[in-house]
Amino acid sequence: SVYEYSHWCMHLPMTRRRLVERWMVAFRFLN
């Protein structure tokens, strides 16, 4: 589930960051 949601957020960024982008410490690295 994290795979699907993170992958979605990577390819479809929003101007207002989503929860995974704010709280997932490693999101920038994984992106």
PDB file of all heavy atoms in Angstrom:
ATOM      1  N   SER A   1       0.844  -1.202   0.000  1.00  0.00           N
ATOM      2  CA  SER A   1       0.000   0.000   0.000  1.00  0.00           C
ATOM      3  C   SER A   1       0.880   1.253   0.000  1.00  0.00           C
ATOM      4  O   SER A   1       0.600   2.220  -0.712  1.00  0.00           O
ATOM      5  CB  SER A   1      -0.929   0.010   1.216  1.00  0.00           C
ATOM      6  OG  SER A   1      -1.837  -1.061   1.146  1.00  0.00           O
ATOM      7  N   VAL A   2       1.948   1.216   0.801  1.00  0.00           N
ATOM      8  CA  VAL A   2       2.900   2.333   0.825  1.00  0.00           C
ATOM      9  C   VAL A   2       3.565   2.464  -0.546  1.00  0.00           C
ATOM     10  O   VAL A   2       3.769   3.579  -1.036  1.00  0.00           O
ATOM     11  CB  VAL A   2       3.946   2.143   1.947  1.00  0.00           C
ATOM     12  CG1 VAL A   2       5.095   3.140   1.818  1.00  0.00           C
ATOM     13  CG2 VAL A   2       3.286   2.262   3.318  1.00  0.00           C
ATOM     14  N   TYR A   3       3.886   1.337  -1.170  1.00  0.00           N
ATOM     15  CA  TYR A   3       4.460   1.356  -2.521  1.00  0.00           C
ATOM     16  C   TYR A   3       3.538   2.114  -3.469  1.00  0.00           C
ATOM     17  O   TYR A   3       3.959   3.043  -4.153  1.00  0.00           O
ATOM     18  CB  TYR A   3       4.655  -0.090  -3.021  1.00  0.00           C
ATOM     19  CG  TYR A   3       5.076  -0.188  -4.469  1.00  0.00           C
ATOM     20  CD1 TYR A   3       6.397  -0.426  -4.808  1.00  0.00           C
ATOM     21  CD2 TYR A   3       4.159  -0.043  -5.516  1.00  0.00           C
ATOM     22  CE1 TYR A   3       6.798  -0.514  -6.140  1.00  0.00           C
ATOM     23  CE2 TYR A   3       4.550  -0.123  -6.838  1.00  0.00           C
ATOM     24  CZ  TYR A   3       5.866  -0.353  -7.138  1.00  0.00           C
ATOM     25  OH  TYR A   3       6.251  -0.424  -8.452  1.00  0.00           O
ATOM     26  N   GLU A   4       2.284   1.715  -3.520  1.00  0.00           N
ATOM     27  CA  GLU A   4       1.337   2.330  -4.459  1.00  0.00           C
ATOM     28  C   GLU A   4       1.155   3.819  -4.188  1.00  0.00           C
ATOM     29  O   GLU A   4       1.194   4.632  -5.105  1.00  0.00           O
ATOM     30  CB  GLU A   4      -0.030   1.633  -4.370  1.00  0.00           C
ATOM     31  CG  GLU A   4      -0.145   0.411  -5.235  1.00  0.00           C
ATOM     32  CD  GLU A   4      -0.059   0.732  -6.709  1.00  0.00           C
ATOM     33  OE1 GLU A   4      -1.021   1.279  -7.286  1.00  0.00           O
ATOM     34  OE2 GLU A   4       0.988   0.423  -7.305  1.00  0.00           O
ATOM     35  N   TYR A   5       0.947   4.166  -2.916  1.00  0.00           N
ATOM     36  CA  TYR A   5       0.669   5.564  -2.582  1.00  0.00           C
ATOM     37  C   TYR A   5       1.909   6.442  -2.782  1.00  0.00           C
ATOM     38  O   TYR A   5       1.815   7.540  -3.339  1.00  0.00           O
ATOM     39  CB  TYR A   5       0.138   5.679  -1.154  1.00  0.00           C
ATOM     40  CG  TYR A   5      -0.311   7.071  -0.826  1.00  0.00           C
ATOM     41  CD1 TYR A   5      -1.370   7.660  -1.519  1.00  0.00           C
ATOM     42  CD2 TYR A   5       0.323   7.816   0.156  1.00  0.00           C
ATOM     43  CE1 TYR A   5      -1.786   8.953  -1.239  1.00  0.00           C
ATOM     44  CE2 TYR A   5      -0.096   9.105   0.440  1.00  0.00           C
ATOM     45  CZ  TYR A   5      -1.140   9.671  -0.252  1.00  0.00           C
ATOM     46  OH  TYR A   5      -1.540  10.948   0.025  1.00  0.00           O
ATOM     47  N   SER A   6       3.069   5.960  -2.352  1.00  0.00           N
ATOM     48  CA  SER A   6       4.306   6.740  -2.526  1.00  0.00           C
ATOM     49  C   SER A   6       4.603   6.946  -4.007  1.00  0.00           C
ATOM     50  O   SER A   6       4.964   8.044  -4.426  1.00  0.00           O
ATOM     51  CB  SER A   6       5.491   6.027  -1.873  1.00  0.00           C
ATOM     52  OG  SER A   6       5.307   5.910  -0.498  1.00  0.00           O
ATOM     53  N   HIS A   7       4.452   5.882  -4.788  1.00  0.00           N
ATOM     54  CA  HIS A   7       4.709   5.965  -6.220  1.00  0.00           C
ATOM     55  C   HIS A   7       3.757   6.967  -6.879  1.00  0.00           C
ATOM     56  O   HIS A   7       4.160   7.747  -7.744  1.00  0.00           O
ATOM     57  CB  HIS A   7       4.569   4.558  -6.837  1.00  0.00           C
ATOM     58  CG  HIS A   7       5.019   4.482  -8.242  1.00  0.00           C
ATOM     59  ND1 HIS A   7       4.166   4.197  -9.279  1.00  0.00           N
ATOM     60  CD2 HIS A   7       6.246   4.650  -8.810  1.00  0.00           C
ATOM     61  CE1 HIS A   7       4.842   4.190 -10.407  1.00  0.00           C
ATOM     62  NE2 HIS A   7       6.107   4.460 -10.159  1.00  0.00           N
ATOM     63  N   TRP A   8       2.515   6.958  -6.461  1.00  0.00           N
ATOM     64  CA  TRP A   8       1.519   7.921  -6.953  1.00  0.00           C
ATOM     65  C   TRP A   8       1.968   9.350  -6.630  1.00  0.00           C
ATOM     66  O   TRP A   8       1.957  10.229  -7.484  1.00  0.00           O
ATOM     67  CB  TRP A   8       0.161   7.615  -6.323  1.00  0.00           C
ATOM     68  CG  TRP A   8      -0.918   8.575  -6.688  1.00  0.00           C
ATOM     69  CD1 TRP A   8      -1.341   9.649  -5.948  1.00  0.00           C
ATOM     70  CD2 TRP A   8      -1.739   8.571  -7.860  1.00  0.00           C
ATOM     71  NE1 TRP A   8      -2.363  10.301  -6.599  1.00  0.00           N
ATOM     72  CE2 TRP A   8      -2.622   9.654  -7.774  1.00  0.00           C
ATOM     73  CE3 TRP A   8      -1.797   7.744  -8.977  1.00  0.00           C
ATOM     74  CZ2 TRP A   8      -3.565   9.941  -8.760  1.00  0.00           C
ATOM     75  CZ3 TRP A   8      -2.730   8.022  -9.961  1.00  0.00           C
ATOM     76  CH2 TRP A   8      -3.603   9.115  -9.844  1.00  0.00           C
ATOM     77  N   CYS A   9       2.378   9.574  -5.383  1.00  0.00           N
ATOM     78  CA  CYS A   9       2.807  10.913  -4.952  1.00  0.00           C
ATOM     79  C   CYS A   9       4.074  11.370  -5.674  1.00  0.00           C
ATOM     80  O   CYS A   9       4.236  12.556  -5.949  1.00  0.00           O
ATOM     81  CB  CYS A   9       3.038  10.939  -3.444  1.00  0.00           C
ATOM     82  SG  CYS A   9       1.529  10.754  -2.470  1.00  0.00           S
ATOM     83  N   MET A  10       4.956  10.447  -5.994  1.00  0.00           N
ATOM     84  CA  MET A  10       6.187  10.799  -6.705  1.00  0.00           C
ATOM     85  C   MET A  10       5.891  11.333  -8.105  1.00  0.00           C
ATOM     86  O   MET A  10       6.478  12.320  -8.537  1.00  0.00           O
ATOM     87  CB  MET A  10       7.111   9.577  -6.806  1.00  0.00           C
ATOM     88  CG  MET A  10       7.728   9.177  -5.501  1.00  0.00           C
ATOM     89  SD  MET A  10       8.569   7.590  -5.681  1.00  0.00           S
ATOM     90  CE  MET A  10       9.044   7.302  -3.976  1.00  0.00           C
ATOM     91  N   HIS A  11       4.974  10.668  -8.791  1.00  0.00           N
ATOM     92  CA  HIS A  11       4.687  11.053 -10.171  1.00  0.00           C
ATOM     93  C   HIS A  11       3.590  12.109 -10.287  1.00  0.00           C
ATOM     94  O   HIS A  11       3.433  12.707 -11.355  1.00  0.00           O
ATOM     95  CB  HIS A  11       4.295   9.825 -10.998  1.00  0.00           C
ATOM     96  CG  HIS A  11       5.458   8.940 -11.312  1.00  0.00           C
ATOM     97  ND1 HIS A  11       6.496   9.337 -12.125  1.00  0.00           N
ATOM     98  CD2 HIS A  11       5.756   7.686 -10.899  1.00  0.00           C
ATOM     99  CE1 HIS A  11       7.373   8.362 -12.208  1.00  0.00           C
ATOM    100  NE2 HIS A  11       6.956   7.341 -11.465  1.00  0.00           N
ATOM    101  N   LEU A  12       2.850  12.351  -9.232  1.00  0.00           N
ATOM    102  CA  LEU A  12       1.769  13.327  -9.271  1.00  0.00           C
ATOM    103  C   LEU A  12       1.864  14.242  -8.046  1.00  0.00           C
ATOM    104  O   LEU A  12       1.046  14.169  -7.133  1.00  0.00           O
ATOM    105  CB  LEU A  12       0.408  12.610  -9.306  1.00  0.00           C
ATOM    106  CG  LEU A  12      -0.774  13.469  -9.697  1.00  0.00           C
ATOM    107  CD1 LEU A  12      -0.677  13.923 -11.142  1.00  0.00           C
ATOM    108  CD2 LEU A  12      -2.058  12.691  -9.493  1.00  0.00           C
ATOM    109  N   PRO A  13       2.898  15.093  -7.997  1.00  0.00           N
ATOM    110  CA  PRO A  13       3.063  15.965  -6.827  1.00  0.00           C
ATOM    111  C   PRO A  13       1.961  17.024  -6.762  1.00  0.00           C
ATOM    112  O   PRO A  13       1.366  17.376  -7.781  1.00  0.00           O
ATOM    113  CB  PRO A  13       4.427  16.608  -7.053  1.00  0.00           C
ATOM    114  CG  PRO A  13       4.619  16.584  -8.524  1.00  0.00           C
ATOM    115  CD  PRO A  13       3.897  15.356  -9.023  1.00  0.00           C
ATOM    116  N   MET A  14       1.686  17.471  -5.543  1.00  0.00           N
ATOM    117  CA  MET A  14       0.694  18.540  -5.335  1.00  0.00           C
ATOM    118  C   MET A  14       1.411  19.754  -4.770  1.00  0.00           C
ATOM    119  O   MET A  14       2.477  19.622  -4.162  1.00  0.00           O
ATOM    120  CB  MET A  14      -0.374  18.081  -4.334  1.00  0.00           C
ATOM    121  CG  MET A  14      -1.241  16.948  -4.854  1.00  0.00           C
ATOM    122  SD  MET A  14      -2.453  16.421  -3.625  1.00  0.00           S
ATOM    123  CE  MET A  14      -3.488  17.874  -3.488  1.00  0.00           C
ATOM    124  N   THR A  15       0.808  20.918  -4.957  1.00  0.00           N
ATOM    125  CA  THR A  15       1.404  22.122  -4.383  1.00  0.00           C
ATOM    126  C   THR A  15       1.310  22.076  -2.858  1.00  0.00           C
ATOM    127  O   THR A  15       2.199  22.536  -2.172  1.00  0.00           O
ATOM    128  CB  THR A  15       0.720  23.390  -4.918  1.00  0.00           C
ATOM    129  OG1 THR A  15      -0.684  23.263  -4.750  1.00  0.00           O
ATOM    130  CG2 THR A  15       1.053  23.597  -6.371  1.00  0.00           C
ATOM    131  N   ARG A  16       0.220  21.515  -2.342  1.00  0.00           N
ATOM    132  CA  ARG A  16       0.087  21.300  -0.898  1.00  0.00           C
ATOM    133  C   ARG A  16       0.509  19.876  -0.594  1.00  0.00           C
ATOM    134  O   ARG A  16      -0.096  18.931  -1.071  1.00  0.00           O
ATOM    135  CB  ARG A  16      -1.369  21.479  -0.469  1.00  0.00           C
ATOM    136  CG  ARG A  16      -1.564  22.504   0.572  1.00  0.00           C
ATOM    137  CD  ARG A  16      -2.982  22.625   0.951  1.00  0.00           C
ATOM    138  NE  ARG A  16      -3.548  21.293   1.194  1.00  0.00           N
ATOM    139  CZ  ARG A  16      -4.797  21.081   1.497  1.00  0.00           C
ATOM    140  NH1 ARG A  16      -5.625  22.052   1.590  1.00  0.00           N
ATOM    141  NH2 ARG A  16      -5.242  19.864   1.702  1.00  0.00           N
ATOM    142  N   ARG A  17       1.567  19.718   0.168  1.00  0.00           N
ATOM    143  CA  ARG A  17       2.112  18.380   0.388  1.00  0.00           C
ATOM    144  C   ARG A  17       1.123  17.455   1.086  1.00  0.00           C
ATOM    145  O   ARG A  17       0.421  17.852   2.003  1.00  0.00           O
ATOM    146  CB  ARG A  17       3.402  18.459   1.191  1.00  0.00           C
ATOM    147  CG  ARG A  17       4.537  18.991   0.354  1.00  0.00           C
ATOM    148  CD  ARG A  17       5.836  18.852   1.048  1.00  0.00           C
ATOM    149  NE  ARG A  17       5.944  19.906   2.064  1.00  0.00           N
ATOM    150  CZ  ARG A  17       6.789  19.871   3.071  1.00  0.00           C
ATOM    151  NH1 ARG A  17       7.597  18.869   3.224  1.00  0.00           N
ATOM    152  NH2 ARG A  17       6.829  20.848   3.928  1.00  0.00           N
ATOM    153  N   ARG A  18       1.107  16.197   0.648  1.00  0.00           N
ATOM    154  CA  ARG A  18       0.275  15.170   1.248  1.00  0.00           C
ATOM    155  C   ARG A  18       0.940  14.640   2.518  1.00  0.00           C
ATOM    156  O   ARG A  18       2.112  14.898   2.770  1.00  0.00           O
ATOM    157  CB  ARG A  18       0.090  14.011   0.266  1.00  0.00           C
ATOM    158  CG  ARG A  18      -0.539  14.409  -1.046  1.00  0.00           C
ATOM    159  CD  ARG A  18      -0.516  13.176  -1.954  1.00  0.00           C
ATOM    160  NE  ARG A  18      -0.983  13.473  -3.279  1.00  0.00           N
ATOM    161  CZ  ARG A  18      -0.205  13.722  -4.324  1.00  0.00           C
ATOM    162  NH1 ARG A  18       1.103  13.711  -4.203  1.00  0.00           N
ATOM    163  NH2 ARG A  18      -0.725  13.983  -5.495  1.00  0.00           N
ATOM    164  N   LEU A  19       0.201  13.849   3.251  1.00  0.00           N
ATOM    165  CA  LEU A  19       0.697  13.289   4.507  1.00  0.00           C
ATOM    166  C   LEU A  19       2.005  12.525   4.310  1.00  0.00           C
ATOM    167  O   LEU A  19       2.960  12.722   5.055  1.00  0.00           O
ATOM    168  CB  LEU A  19      -0.368  12.373   5.127  1.00  0.00           C
ATOM    169  CG  LEU A  19      -0.016  11.764   6.478  1.00  0.00           C
ATOM    170  CD1 LEU A  19       0.151  12.861   7.515  1.00  0.00           C
ATOM    171  CD2 LEU A  19      -1.090  10.792   6.915  1.00  0.00           C
ATOM    172  N   VAL A  20       2.065  11.675   3.298  1.00  0.00           N
ATOM    173  CA  VAL A  20       3.275  10.884   3.088  1.00  0.00           C
ATOM    174  C   VAL A  20       4.472  11.792   2.798  1.00  0.00           C
ATOM    175  O   VAL A  20       5.592  11.506   3.212  1.00  0.00           O
ATOM    176  CB  VAL A  20       3.086   9.825   1.974  1.00  0.00           C
ATOM    177  CG1 VAL A  20       2.975  10.465   0.610  1.00  0.00           C
ATOM    178  CG2 VAL A  20       4.208   8.815   1.983  1.00  0.00           C
ATOM    179  N   GLU A  21       4.240  12.888   2.128  1.00  0.00           N
ATOM    180  CA  GLU A  21       5.332  13.817   1.815  1.00  0.00           C
ATOM    181  C   GLU A  21       5.757  14.612   3.043  1.00  0.00           C
ATOM    182  O   GLU A  21       6.911  15.004   3.160  1.00  0.00           O
ATOM    183  CB  GLU A  21       4.899  14.765   0.699  1.00  0.00           C
ATOM    184  CG  GLU A  21       4.669  14.042  -0.616  1.00  0.00           C
ATOM    185  CD  GLU A  21       3.893  14.858  -1.618  1.00  0.00           C
ATOM    186  OE1 GLU A  21       2.976  15.605  -1.209  1.00  0.00           O
ATOM    187  OE2 GLU A  21       4.178  14.747  -2.808  1.00  0.00           O
ATOM    188  N   ARG A  22       4.849  14.833   3.974  1.00  0.00           N
ATOM    189  CA  ARG A  22       5.182  15.591   5.178  1.00  0.00           C
ATOM    190  C   ARG A  22       5.778  14.729   6.277  1.00  0.00           C
ATOM    191  O   ARG A  22       6.667  15.150   6.985  1.00  0.00           O
ATOM    192  CB  ARG A  22       3.938  16.288   5.731  1.00  0.00           C
ATOM    193  CG  ARG A  22       3.557  17.528   4.955  1.00  0.00           C
ATOM    194  CD  ARG A  22       2.373  18.184   5.570  1.00  0.00           C
ATOM    195  NE  ARG A  22       1.209  17.359   5.227  1.00  0.00           N
ATOM    196  CZ  ARG A  22       0.018  17.497   5.749  1.00  0.00           C
ATOM    197  NH1 ARG A  22      -0.184  18.397   6.671  1.00  0.00           N
ATOM    198  NH2 ARG A  22      -0.977  16.741   5.374  1.00  0.00           N
ATOM    199  N   TRP A  23       5.246  13.515   6.436  1.00  0.00           N
ATOM    200  CA  TRP A  23       5.627  12.693   7.577  1.00  0.00           C
ATOM    201  C   TRP A  23       6.608  11.587   7.244  1.00  0.00           C
ATOM    202  O   TRP A  23       7.297  11.092   8.113  1.00  0.00           O
ATOM    203  CB  TRP A  23       4.379  12.091   8.228  1.00  0.00           C
ATOM    204  CG  TRP A  23       3.513  13.156   8.790  1.00  0.00           C
ATOM    205  CD1 TRP A  23       2.346  13.628   8.265  1.00  0.00           C
ATOM    206  CD2 TRP A  23       3.747  13.936   9.956  1.00  0.00           C
ATOM    207  NE1 TRP A  23       1.843  14.642   9.041  1.00  0.00           N
ATOM    208  CE2 TRP A  23       2.683  14.847  10.089  1.00  0.00           C
ATOM    209  CE3 TRP A  23       4.753  13.952  10.914  1.00  0.00           C
ATOM    210  CZ2 TRP A  23       2.595  15.746  11.133  1.00  0.00           C
ATOM    211  CZ3 TRP A  23       4.666  14.851  11.954  1.00  0.00           C
ATOM    212  CH2 TRP A  23       3.600  15.737  12.059  1.00  0.00           C
ATOM    213  N   MET A  24       6.673  11.184   6.023  1.00  0.00           N
ATOM    214  CA  MET A  24       7.615  10.133   5.655  1.00  0.00           C
ATOM    215  C   MET A  24       8.982  10.773   5.477  1.00  0.00           C
ATOM    216  O   MET A  24       9.259  11.410   4.460  1.00  0.00           O
ATOM    217  CB  MET A  24       7.158   9.439   4.375  1.00  0.00           C
ATOM    218  CG  MET A  24       7.914   8.203   4.047  1.00  0.00           C
ATOM    219  SD  MET A  24       7.095   7.434   2.623  1.00  0.00           S
ATOM    220  CE  MET A  24       8.299   6.199   2.253  1.00  0.00           C
ATOM    221  N   VAL A  25       9.821  10.622   6.494  1.00  0.00           N
ATOM    222  CA  VAL A  25      11.124  11.287   6.535  1.00  0.00           C
ATOM    223  C   VAL A  25      11.932  10.994   5.270  1.00  0.00           C
ATOM    224  O   VAL A  25      12.619  11.869   4.745  1.00  0.00           O
ATOM    225  CB  VAL A  25      11.905  10.839   7.793  1.00  0.00           C
ATOM    226  CG1 VAL A  25      13.300  11.422   7.812  1.00  0.00           C
ATOM    227  CG2 VAL A  25      11.141  11.204   9.046  1.00  0.00           C
ATOM    228  N   ALA A  26      11.816   9.809   4.753  1.00  0.00           N
ATOM    229  CA  ALA A  26      12.636   9.386   3.621  1.00  0.00           C
ATOM    230  C   ALA A  26      12.018   9.699   2.266  1.00  0.00           C
ATOM    231  O   ALA A  26      12.595   9.332   1.240  1.00  0.00           O
ATOM    232  CB  ALA A  26      12.883   7.887   3.737  1.00  0.00           C
ATOM    233  N   PHE A  27      10.862  10.378   2.217  1.00  0.00           N
ATOM    234  CA  PHE A  27      10.189  10.560   0.926  1.00  0.00           C
ATOM    235  C   PHE A  27      11.077  11.250  -0.104  1.00  0.00           C
ATOM    236  O   PHE A  27      11.145  10.809  -1.257  1.00  0.00           O
ATOM    237  CB  PHE A  27       8.875  11.331   1.079  1.00  0.00           C
ATOM    238  CG  PHE A  27       8.135  11.477  -0.216  1.00  0.00           C
ATOM    239  CD1 PHE A  27       7.352  10.449  -0.699  1.00  0.00           C
ATOM    240  CD2 PHE A  27       8.241  12.631  -0.986  1.00  0.00           C
ATOM    241  CE1 PHE A  27       6.681  10.556  -1.916  1.00  0.00           C
ATOM    242  CE2 PHE A  27       7.585  12.756  -2.197  1.00  0.00           C
ATOM    243  CZ  PHE A  27       6.803  11.706  -2.654  1.00  0.00           C
ATOM    244  N   ARG A  28      11.761  12.323   0.288  1.00  0.00           N
ATOM    245  CA  ARG A  28      12.631  13.027  -0.669  1.00  0.00           C
ATOM    246  C   ARG A  28      13.726  12.110  -1.197  1.00  0.00           C
ATOM    247  O   ARG A  28      14.001  12.067  -2.384  1.00  0.00           O
ATOM    248  CB  ARG A  28      13.267  14.265  -0.035  1.00  0.00           C
ATOM    249  CG  ARG A  28      12.371  15.477  -0.043  1.00  0.00           C
ATOM    250  CD  ARG A  28      13.022  16.687   0.636  1.00  0.00           C
ATOM    251  NE  ARG A  28      14.348  17.017   0.138  1.00  0.00           N
ATOM    252  CZ  ARG A  28      14.595  17.783  -0.923  1.00  0.00           C
ATOM    253  NH1 ARG A  28      13.612  18.311  -1.594  1.00  0.00           N
ATOM    254  NH2 ARG A  28      15.829  18.037  -1.299  1.00  0.00           N
ATOM    255  N   PHE A  29      14.337  11.345  -0.295  1.00  0.00           N
ATOM    256  CA  PHE A  29      15.374  10.404  -0.720  1.00  0.00           C
ATOM    257  C   PHE A  29      14.796   9.365  -1.689  1.00  0.00           C
ATOM    258  O   PHE A  29      15.369   9.093  -2.743  1.00  0.00           O
ATOM    259  CB  PHE A  29      16.002   9.688   0.481  1.00  0.00           C
ATOM    260  CG  PHE A  29      16.835   8.504   0.085  1.00  0.00           C
ATOM    261  CD1 PHE A  29      18.111   8.687  -0.447  1.00  0.00           C
ATOM    262  CD2 PHE A  29      16.343   7.213   0.206  1.00  0.00           C
ATOM    263  CE1 PHE A  29      18.868   7.593  -0.838  1.00  0.00           C
ATOM    264  CE2 PHE A  29      17.103   6.116  -0.188  1.00  0.00           C
ATOM    265  CZ  PHE A  29      18.365   6.309  -0.707  1.00  0.00           C
ATOM    266  N   LEU A  30      13.647   8.787  -1.327  1.00  0.00           N
ATOM    267  CA  LEU A  30      13.029   7.767  -2.177  1.00  0.00           C
ATOM    268  C   LEU A  30      12.581   8.344  -3.522  1.00  0.00           C
ATOM    269  O   LEU A  30      12.646   7.657  -4.542  1.00  0.00           O
ATOM    270  CB  LEU A  30      11.850   7.111  -1.458  1.00  0.00           C
ATOM    271  CG  LEU A  30      12.231   6.248  -0.260  1.00  0.00           C
ATOM    272  CD1 LEU A  30      10.988   5.754   0.454  1.00  0.00           C
ATOM    273  CD2 LEU A  30      13.129   5.089  -0.662  1.00  0.00           C
ATOM    274  N   ASN A  31      12.154   9.585  -3.520  1.00  0.00           N
ATOM    275  CA  ASN A  31      11.771  10.238  -4.778  1.00  0.00           C
ATOM    276  C   ASN A  31      12.992  10.367  -5.699  1.00  0.00           C
ATOM    277  O   ASN A  31      12.927  10.065  -6.883  1.00  0.00           O
ATOM    278  CB  ASN A  31      11.140  11.599  -4.490  1.00  0.00           C
ATOM    279  CG  ASN A  31      10.302  12.111  -5.640  1.00  0.00           C
ATOM    280  OD1 ASN A  31      10.024  11.414  -6.603  1.00  0.00           O
ATOM    281  ND2 ASN A  31       9.884  13.349  -5.535  1.00  0.00           N
TER     282      ASN A  31
END
